[in-house]
Amino acid sequence: MSNNNQQALDDIAEKIAGGLRLLGGLKQGAETQVKSIVEGALDQFDVVTHERMQVQEAMLGKARQELASLEGRVTELEAKLKQLNH
């Protein structure tokens, strides 16, 4: 292969590599932009994130446990009050 042909192939390979780098950068930029658009749209609809939902579920579980405990205490107190009145 002549030196000119090798140089031409090297130039083509360099242009292809540059194009691929550009496409990679565009892909990453596009993904970031799409993510930003989707997050903005979800904010408008007041959508709860998975993390926020997990926190709310944990808080609800704790509240249910406390309510069950309080119900048990009220039942005990009612029984003691009933005994005192008789």
Protein backbone atom coordinates (compact mmCIF):
# COMPACT_ATOMS: atom_id res chain seq x y z
CA MET A 1 0.00 0.00 0.00
CA SER A 2 1.40 3.36 -0.93
CA ASN A 3 2.03 6.06 1.60
CA ASN A 4 -0.72 8.24 0.05
CA ASN A 5 -3.27 5.43 0.33
CA GLN A 6 -2.26 4.80 3.94
CA GLN A 7 -2.61 8.51 4.70
CA ALA A 8 -6.06 8.56 3.09
CA LEU A 9 -7.15 5.54 5.15
CA ASP A 10 -5.77 7.14 8.31
CA ASP A 11 -7.70 10.34 7.53
CA ILE A 12 -10.92 8.39 6.96
CA ALA A 13 -10.40 6.40 10.18
CA GLU A 14 -9.77 9.63 12.09
CA LYS A 15 -12.94 11.21 10.70
CA ILE A 16 -14.99 8.13 11.59
CA ALA A 17 -13.54 8.09 15.11
CA GLY A 18 -14.30 11.81 15.46
CA GLY A 19 -17.86 11.23 14.28
CA LEU A 20 -18.32 8.40 16.77
CA ARG A 21 -17.02 10.61 19.60
CA LEU A 22 -19.43 13.33 18.50
CA LEU A 23 -22.33 10.85 18.40
CA GLY A 24 -21.38 9.58 21.86
CA GLY A 25 -21.39 13.13 23.20
CA LEU A 26 -24.70 13.87 21.51
CA LYS A 27 -26.20 10.69 22.94
CA GLN A 28 -25.11 11.60 26.45
CA GLY A 29 -26.39 15.16 26.03
CA ALA A 30 -29.68 13.91 24.62
CA GLU A 31 -30.14 11.48 27.52
CA THR A 32 -29.53 14.29 30.00
CA GLN A 33 -31.97 16.56 28.20
CA VAL A 34 -34.67 13.87 27.97
CA LYS A 35 -34.25 13.06 31.67
CA SER A 36 -34.62 16.74 32.53
CA ILE A 37 -37.78 17.04 30.39
CA VAL A 38 -39.33 13.93 31.95
CA GLU A 39 -38.50 15.07 35.49
CA GLY A 40 -40.04 18.47 34.75
CA ALA A 41 -43.19 16.84 33.38
CA LEU A 42 -43.47 14.56 36.40
CA ASP A 43 -43.09 17.54 38.73
CA GLN A 44 -46.03 19.22 37.00
CA PHE A 45 -48.20 16.16 37.67
CA ASP A 46 -47.00 15.97 41.29
CA VAL A 47 -45.80 12.39 40.86
CA VAL A 48 -44.25 10.85 43.97
CA THR A 49 -40.79 9.34 43.56
CA HIS A 50 -40.10 5.78 44.64
CA GLU A 51 -37.89 7.01 47.49
CA ARG A 52 -40.58 9.36 48.80
CA MET A 53 -43.13 6.57 48.56
CA GLN A 54 -40.91 4.25 50.62
CA VAL A 55 -40.56 6.93 53.32
CA GLN A 56 -44.33 7.44 53.38
CA GLU A 57 -44.93 3.68 53.63
CA ALA A 58 -42.48 3.42 56.55
CA MET A 59 -44.17 6.32 58.33
CA LEU A 60 -47.60 4.75 57.75
CA GLY A 61 -46.39 1.41 59.11
CA LYS A 62 -45.08 3.09 62.26
CA ALA A 63 -48.35 5.01 62.69
CA ARG A 64 -50.32 1.76 62.37
CA GLN A 65 -48.16 0.11 65.05
CA GLU A 66 -48.64 3.06 67.39
CA LEU A 67 -52.40 3.02 66.76
CA ALA A 68 -52.61 -0.70 67.52
CA SER A 69 -50.65 -0.13 70.74
CA LEU A 70 -52.93 2.72 71.77
CA GLU A 71 -56.05 0.65 71.00
CA GLY A 72 -54.70 -2.10 73.23
CA ARG A 73 -54.05 0.35 76.07
CA VAL A 74 -57.54 1.85 75.75
CA THR A 75 -59.08 -1.63 75.89
CA GLU A 76 -57.08 -2.41 79.05
CA LEU A 77 -58.05 0.89 80.67
CA GLU A 78 -61.72 0.35 79.83
CA ALA A 79 -61.59 -3.10 81.40
CA LYS A 80 -59.96 -1.71 84.58
CA LEU A 81 -62.51 1.11 84.73
CA LYS A 82 -65.33 -1.40 84.36
CA GLN A 83 -63.92 -3.44 87.26
CA LEU A 84 -63.65 -0.36 89.44
CA ASN A 85 -67.28 0.58 88.80
CA HIS A 86 -68.59 -2.86 89.83
